């Protein structure tokens, strides 16, 4: 599927290419490392040995996660209730049912949400990492990405599939 990239240059925005990583301050790098590896499937990667602080780097799904050991555990925010309107990172998945089954097996509390737009449904699961940072897993690619001008930026999976079935040699926008 072809994805149309937005141009930042016309607005004078920074010439960015993609998201590289997010950094998360942790109470315990070891507990967070276990979570991001065994729950979310990230792989530990090398980090510069010149760093003089405790941490770990992980990578998968085209994004890095940098875990940083908190320098002051007392100042770490307390875990709150799961709130979909809180800061979070979202991951696309192929089967929300399998994700929900795994969360239940691991006894990780979560909440479900559903968004509807023009007859298209997006299902979401929200849960916390060991430090209360929110994670969303969804089937968000059901929803097309459309600029406010109305121009499609990326077709949803359903539309792209229909286009490829009807026109096997044409790429979806």
C-alpha atoms as a PDB file:
ATOM      1  CA  UNK A   1       0.000   0.000   0.000  1.00  0.00           C
ATOM      2  CA  UNK A   2       1.296   3.435  -0.892  1.00  0.00           C
ATOM      3  CA  UNK A   3       1.269   6.019   1.891  1.00  0.00           C
ATOM      4  CA  UNK A   4       1.249   9.681   0.944  1.00  0.00           C
ATOM      5  CA  UNK A   5       3.693  11.598   3.129  1.00  0.00           C
ATOM      6  CA  UNK A   6       2.817  15.072   4.301  1.00  0.00           C
ATOM      7  CA  UNK A   7       5.289  17.772   3.418  1.00  0.00           C
ATOM      8  CA  UNK A   8       6.444  19.890   6.355  1.00  0.00           C
ATOM      9  CA  UNK A   9       8.489  22.328   4.279  1.00  0.00           C
ATOM     10  CA  UNK A  10       5.565  24.528   3.174  1.00  0.00           C
ATOM     11  CA  UNK A  11       4.835  25.500   6.776  1.00  0.00           C
ATOM     12  CA  UNK A  12       8.447  25.948   7.797  1.00  0.00           C
ATOM     13  CA  UNK A  13       8.238  22.956  10.129  1.00  0.00           C
ATOM     14  CA  UNK A  14      11.320  20.967  11.040  1.00  0.00           C
ATOM     15  CA  UNK A  15      12.411  18.527   8.294  1.00  0.00           C
ATOM     16  CA  UNK A  16      11.613  15.350  10.256  1.00  0.00           C
ATOM     17  CA  UNK A  17      11.698  11.833   8.822  1.00  0.00           C
ATOM     18  CA  UNK A  18      10.016   9.602  11.431  1.00  0.00           C
ATOM     19  CA  UNK A  19       9.579   8.827  15.106  1.00  0.00           C
ATOM     20  CA  UNK A  20      12.778   7.243  16.431  1.00  0.00           C
ATOM     21  CA  UNK A  21      12.084   6.386  20.075  1.00  0.00           C
ATOM     22  CA  UNK A  22      10.287   7.312  23.242  1.00  0.00           C
ATOM     23  CA  UNK A  23      11.988   7.536  26.643  1.00  0.00           C
ATOM     24  CA  UNK A  24      10.304   6.297  29.791  1.00  0.00           C
ATOM     25  CA  UNK A  25      11.594   6.983  33.296  1.00  0.00           C
ATOM     26  CA  UNK A  26      11.217   3.818  35.414  1.00  0.00           C
ATOM     27  CA  UNK A  27      11.167   2.838  39.067  1.00  0.00           C
ATOM     28  CA  UNK A  28      12.943  -0.370  38.039  1.00  0.00           C
ATOM     29  CA  UNK A  29      14.640  -0.758  34.661  1.00  0.00           C
ATOM     30  CA  UNK A  30      14.642  -4.547  35.212  1.00  0.00           C
ATOM     31  CA  UNK A  31      10.841  -4.721  35.778  1.00  0.00           C
ATOM     32  CA  UNK A  32      10.174  -2.464  32.790  1.00  0.00           C
ATOM     33  CA  UNK A  33      12.619  -4.407  30.622  1.00  0.00           C
ATOM     34  CA  UNK A  34      10.751  -7.607  31.478  1.00  0.00           C
ATOM     35  CA  UNK A  35       7.389  -5.988  30.638  1.00  0.00           C
ATOM     36  CA  UNK A  36       8.450  -4.468  27.302  1.00  0.00           C
ATOM     37  CA  UNK A  37      10.147  -7.716  26.228  1.00  0.00           C
ATOM     38  CA  UNK A  38       7.654 -10.306  27.447  1.00  0.00           C
ATOM     39  CA  UNK A  39       4.361  -8.434  27.140  1.00  0.00           C
ATOM     40  CA  UNK A  40       4.944  -6.141  24.148  1.00  0.00           C
ATOM     41  CA  UNK A  41       7.608  -8.118  22.265  1.00  0.00           C
ATOM     42  CA  UNK A  42      10.431  -5.567  22.201  1.00  0.00           C
ATOM     43  CA  UNK A  43      14.023  -6.755  21.861  1.00  0.00           C
ATOM     44  CA  UNK A  44      16.887  -5.350  23.938  1.00  0.00           C
ATOM     45  CA  UNK A  45      19.509  -3.577  21.833  1.00  0.00           C
ATOM     46  CA  UNK A  46      22.902  -2.046  22.583  1.00  0.00           C
ATOM     47  CA  UNK A  47      23.032   1.393  24.080  1.00  0.00           C
ATOM     48  CA  UNK A  48      26.107   3.625  24.136  1.00  0.00           C
ATOM     49  CA  UNK A  49      28.542   2.460  26.809  1.00  0.00           C
ATOM     50  CA  UNK A  50      29.505   6.088  27.441  1.00  0.00           C
ATOM     51  CA  UNK A  51      26.246   6.593  29.365  1.00  0.00           C
ATOM     52  CA  UNK A  52      26.891   6.944  33.080  1.00  0.00           C
ATOM     53  CA  UNK A  53      23.316   6.221  34.171  1.00  0.00           C
ATOM     54  CA  UNK A  54      21.269   3.032  34.389  1.00  0.00           C
ATOM     55  CA  UNK A  55      18.933   2.257  31.534  1.00  0.00           C
ATOM     56  CA  UNK A  56      18.099  -0.063  28.657  1.00  0.00           C
ATOM     57  CA  UNK A  57      17.196   0.309  24.995  1.00  0.00           C
ATOM     58  CA  UNK A  58      14.683  -1.843  23.168  1.00  0.00           C
ATOM     59  CA  UNK A  59      13.481  -1.944  19.577  1.00  0.00           C
ATOM     60  CA  UNK A  60      10.636  -3.454  17.538  1.00  0.00           C
ATOM     61  CA  UNK A  61       7.805  -2.384  15.232  1.00  0.00           C
ATOM     62  CA  UNK A  62      10.003   0.368  13.788  1.00  0.00           C
ATOM     63  CA  UNK A  63      10.306   2.234  17.097  1.00  0.00           C
ATOM     64  CA  UNK A  64      12.760   2.342  19.976  1.00  0.00           C
ATOM     65  CA  UNK A  65      11.921   2.448  23.663  1.00  0.00           C
ATOM     66  CA  UNK A  66      14.572   3.910  25.961  1.00  0.00           C
ATOM     67  CA  UNK A  67      14.132   2.980  29.608  1.00  0.00           C
ATOM     68  CA  UNK A  68      15.790   5.318  32.110  1.00  0.00           C
ATOM     69  CA  UNK A  69      16.212   4.528  35.796  1.00  0.00           C
ATOM     70  CA  UNK A  70      14.571   7.199  37.947  1.00  0.00           C
ATOM     71  CA  UNK A  71      17.047   9.264  39.933  1.00  0.00           C
ATOM     72  CA  UNK A  72      14.421   9.944  42.615  1.00  0.00           C
ATOM     73  CA  UNK A  73      11.827   7.233  43.218  1.00  0.00           C
ATOM     74  CA  UNK A  74       9.885   9.509  45.591  1.00  0.00           C
ATOM     75  CA  UNK A  75       9.171  11.943  42.743  1.00  0.00           C
ATOM     76  CA  UNK A  76       7.872   9.256  40.397  1.00  0.00           C
ATOM     77  CA  UNK A  77       4.160   9.737  39.676  1.00  0.00           C
ATOM     78  CA  UNK A  78       1.842   7.275  41.392  1.00  0.00           C
ATOM     79  CA  UNK A  79      -0.103   4.805  39.253  1.00  0.00           C
ATOM     80  CA  UNK A  80      -3.540   6.176  38.446  1.00  0.00           C
ATOM     81  CA  UNK A  81      -6.670   4.624  37.079  1.00  0.00           C
ATOM     82  CA  UNK A  82      -6.587   3.637  33.418  1.00  0.00           C
ATOM     83  CA  UNK A  83      -7.792   6.682  31.493  1.00  0.00           C
ATOM     84  CA  UNK A  84      -7.794   6.603  27.658  1.00  0.00           C
ATOM     85  CA  UNK A  85      -7.462  10.408  27.649  1.00  0.00           C
ATOM     86  CA  UNK A  86      -4.122  10.249  29.490  1.00  0.00           C
ATOM     87  CA  UNK A  87      -0.699  10.332  27.778  1.00  0.00           C
ATOM     88  CA  UNK A  88      -0.048   7.022  26.029  1.00  0.00           C
ATOM     89  CA  UNK A  89       1.615   5.234  23.155  1.00  0.00           C
ATOM     90  CA  UNK A  90      -0.527   3.171  20.793  1.00  0.00           C
ATOM     91  CA  UNK A  91       0.334  -0.031  18.963  1.00  0.00           C
ATOM     92  CA  UNK A  92      -1.533  -1.492  16.021  1.00  0.00           C
ATOM     93  CA  UNK A  93      -2.353  -5.197  16.213  1.00  0.00           C
ATOM     94  CA  UNK A  94      -3.726  -7.915  13.952  1.00  0.00           C
ATOM     95  CA  UNK A  95      -6.010  -9.545  16.551  1.00  0.00           C
ATOM     96  CA  UNK A  96      -7.418  -7.652  19.511  1.00  0.00           C
ATOM     97  CA  UNK A  97      -8.969 -10.907  20.747  1.00  0.00           C
ATOM     98  CA  UNK A  98      -5.513 -12.483  21.072  1.00  0.00           C
ATOM     99  CA  UNK A  99      -4.160  -9.394  22.831  1.00  0.00           C
ATOM    100  CA  UNK A 100      -7.074  -9.419  25.279  1.00  0.00           C
ATOM    101  CA  UNK A 101      -6.576 -13.149  25.936  1.00  0.00           C
ATOM    102  CA  UNK A 102      -2.864 -12.569  26.682  1.00  0.00           C
ATOM    103  CA  UNK A 103      -3.616  -9.633  29.017  1.00  0.00           C
ATOM    104  CA  UNK A 104      -6.061 -11.840  30.932  1.00  0.00           C
ATOM    105  CA  UNK A 105      -3.486 -14.664  31.149  1.00  0.00           C
ATOM    106  CA  UNK A 106      -0.897 -12.212  32.490  1.00  0.00           C
ATOM    107  CA  UNK A 107      -3.469 -10.696  34.872  1.00  0.00           C
ATOM    108  CA  UNK A 108      -2.809  -7.201  33.518  1.00  0.00           C
ATOM    109  CA  UNK A 109      -5.786  -4.911  34.222  1.00  0.00           C
ATOM    110  CA  UNK A 110      -7.161  -3.185  31.109  1.00  0.00           C
ATOM    111  CA  UNK A 111     -10.188  -1.353  29.824  1.00  0.00           C
ATOM    112  CA  UNK A 112     -11.867  -1.597  26.440  1.00  0.00           C
ATOM    113  CA  UNK A 113     -13.103   1.241  24.292  1.00  0.00           C
ATOM    114  CA  UNK A 114     -14.713   1.525  20.874  1.00  0.00           C
ATOM    115  CA  UNK A 115     -14.714   4.512  18.536  1.00  0.00           C
ATOM    116  CA  UNK A 116     -17.087   4.809  15.573  1.00  0.00           C
ATOM    117  CA  UNK A 117     -16.642   7.120  12.615  1.00  0.00           C
ATOM    118  CA  UNK A 118     -18.858   6.873   9.551  1.00  0.00           C
ATOM    119  CA  UNK A 119     -19.691   3.200  10.152  1.00  0.00           C
ATOM    120  CA  UNK A 120     -16.057   2.267  10.747  1.00  0.00           C
ATOM    121  CA  UNK A 121     -15.232   0.884  14.188  1.00  0.00           C
ATOM    122  CA  UNK A 122     -11.922   1.060  16.022  1.00  0.00           C
ATOM    123  CA  UNK A 123     -11.547  -1.169  19.068  1.00  0.00           C
ATOM    124  CA  UNK A 124      -8.985  -0.281  21.730  1.00  0.00           C
ATOM    125  CA  UNK A 125      -7.479  -1.848  24.844  1.00  0.00           C
ATOM    126  CA  UNK A 126      -5.727   0.363  27.404  1.00  0.00           C
ATOM    127  CA  UNK A 127      -3.400  -0.809  30.181  1.00  0.00           C
ATOM    128  CA  UNK A 128      -0.372   0.359  32.148  1.00  0.00           C
ATOM    129  CA  UNK A 129       3.289  -0.620  32.151  1.00  0.00           C
ATOM    130  CA  UNK A 130       4.869  -1.276  35.597  1.00  0.00           C
ATOM    131  CA  UNK A 131       5.273   2.478  36.199  1.00  0.00           C
ATOM    132  CA  UNK A 132       1.788   3.514  35.158  1.00  0.00           C
ATOM    133  CA  UNK A 133       2.681   4.674  31.634  1.00  0.00           C
ATOM    134  CA  UNK A 134      -0.367   3.935  29.484  1.00  0.00           C
ATOM    135  CA  UNK A 135      -0.266   1.559  26.536  1.00  0.00           C
ATOM    136  CA  UNK A 136      -3.003   1.302  23.914  1.00  0.00           C
ATOM    137  CA  UNK A 137      -3.390  -1.623  21.541  1.00  0.00           C
ATOM    138  CA  UNK A 138      -5.921  -1.110  18.764  1.00  0.00           C
ATOM    139  CA  UNK A 139      -7.088  -1.885  15.277  1.00  0.00           C
ATOM    140  CA  UNK A 140      -6.760   1.808  14.418  1.00  0.00           C
ATOM    141  CA  UNK A 141      -5.761   1.132  10.827  1.00  0.00           C
ATOM    142  CA  UNK A 142      -9.460   0.448  10.187  1.00  0.00           C
ATOM    143  CA  UNK A 143      -9.866   4.230  10.177  1.00  0.00           C
ATOM    144  CA  UNK A 144      -8.517   6.145   7.178  1.00  0.00           C
ATOM    145  CA  UNK A 145      -6.162   9.035   7.895  1.00  0.00           C
ATOM    146  CA  UNK A 146      -7.690  12.121   6.275  1.00  0.00           C
ATOM    147  CA  UNK A 147      -6.260  15.650   6.369  1.00  0.00           C
ATOM    148  CA  UNK A 148      -8.592  18.397   7.585  1.00  0.00           C
ATOM    149  CA  UNK A 149      -8.673  19.571   3.959  1.00  0.00           C
ATOM    150  CA  UNK A 150     -10.425  16.280   3.158  1.00  0.00           C
ATOM    151  CA  UNK A 151      -7.482  14.826   1.233  1.00  0.00           C
ATOM    152  CA  UNK A 152      -6.793  11.182   2.126  1.00  0.00           C
ATOM    153  CA  UNK A 153      -3.288  10.673   3.479  1.00  0.00           C
ATOM    154  CA  UNK A 154      -3.519   6.930   4.018  1.00  0.00           C
ATOM    155  CA  UNK A 155      -6.321   4.514   3.179  1.00  0.00           C
ATOM    156  CA  UNK A 156      -7.566   2.252   5.933  1.00  0.00           C
ATOM    157  CA  UNK A 157      -6.807  -1.459   5.652  1.00  0.00           C
ATOM    158  CA  UNK A 158     -10.381  -2.232   4.552  1.00  0.00           C
ATOM    159  CA  UNK A 159     -10.336   0.314   1.676  1.00  0.00           C
ATOM    160  CA  UNK A 160      -6.814  -0.679   0.594  1.00  0.00           C
ATOM    161  CA  UNK A 161      -7.892  -4.324   0.477  1.00  0.00           C
ATOM    162  CA  UNK A 162     -10.934  -3.504  -1.674  1.00  0.00           C
ATOM    163  CA  UNK A 163      -8.823  -1.408  -4.064  1.00  0.00           C
ATOM    164  CA  UNK A 164      -6.224  -4.164  -4.433  1.00  0.00           C
ATOM    165  CA  UNK A 165      -8.952  -6.740  -5.138  1.00  0.00           C
ATOM    166  CA  UNK A 166     -10.636  -4.533  -7.761  1.00  0.00           C
ATOM    167  CA  UNK A 167      -7.413  -3.211  -9.315  1.00  0.00           C
ATOM    168  CA  UNK A 168      -4.569  -5.640  -8.562  1.00  0.00           C
ATOM    169  CA  UNK A 169      -1.919  -3.462 -10.258  1.00  0.00           C
ATOM    170  CA  UNK A 170      -2.975  -0.129  -8.675  1.00  0.00           C
ATOM    171  CA  UNK A 171      -1.680   1.104  -5.319  1.00  0.00           C
ATOM    172  CA  UNK A 172      -4.014   2.616  -2.727  1.00  0.00           C
ATOM    173  CA  UNK A 173      -3.335   6.205  -1.659  1.00  0.00           C
END
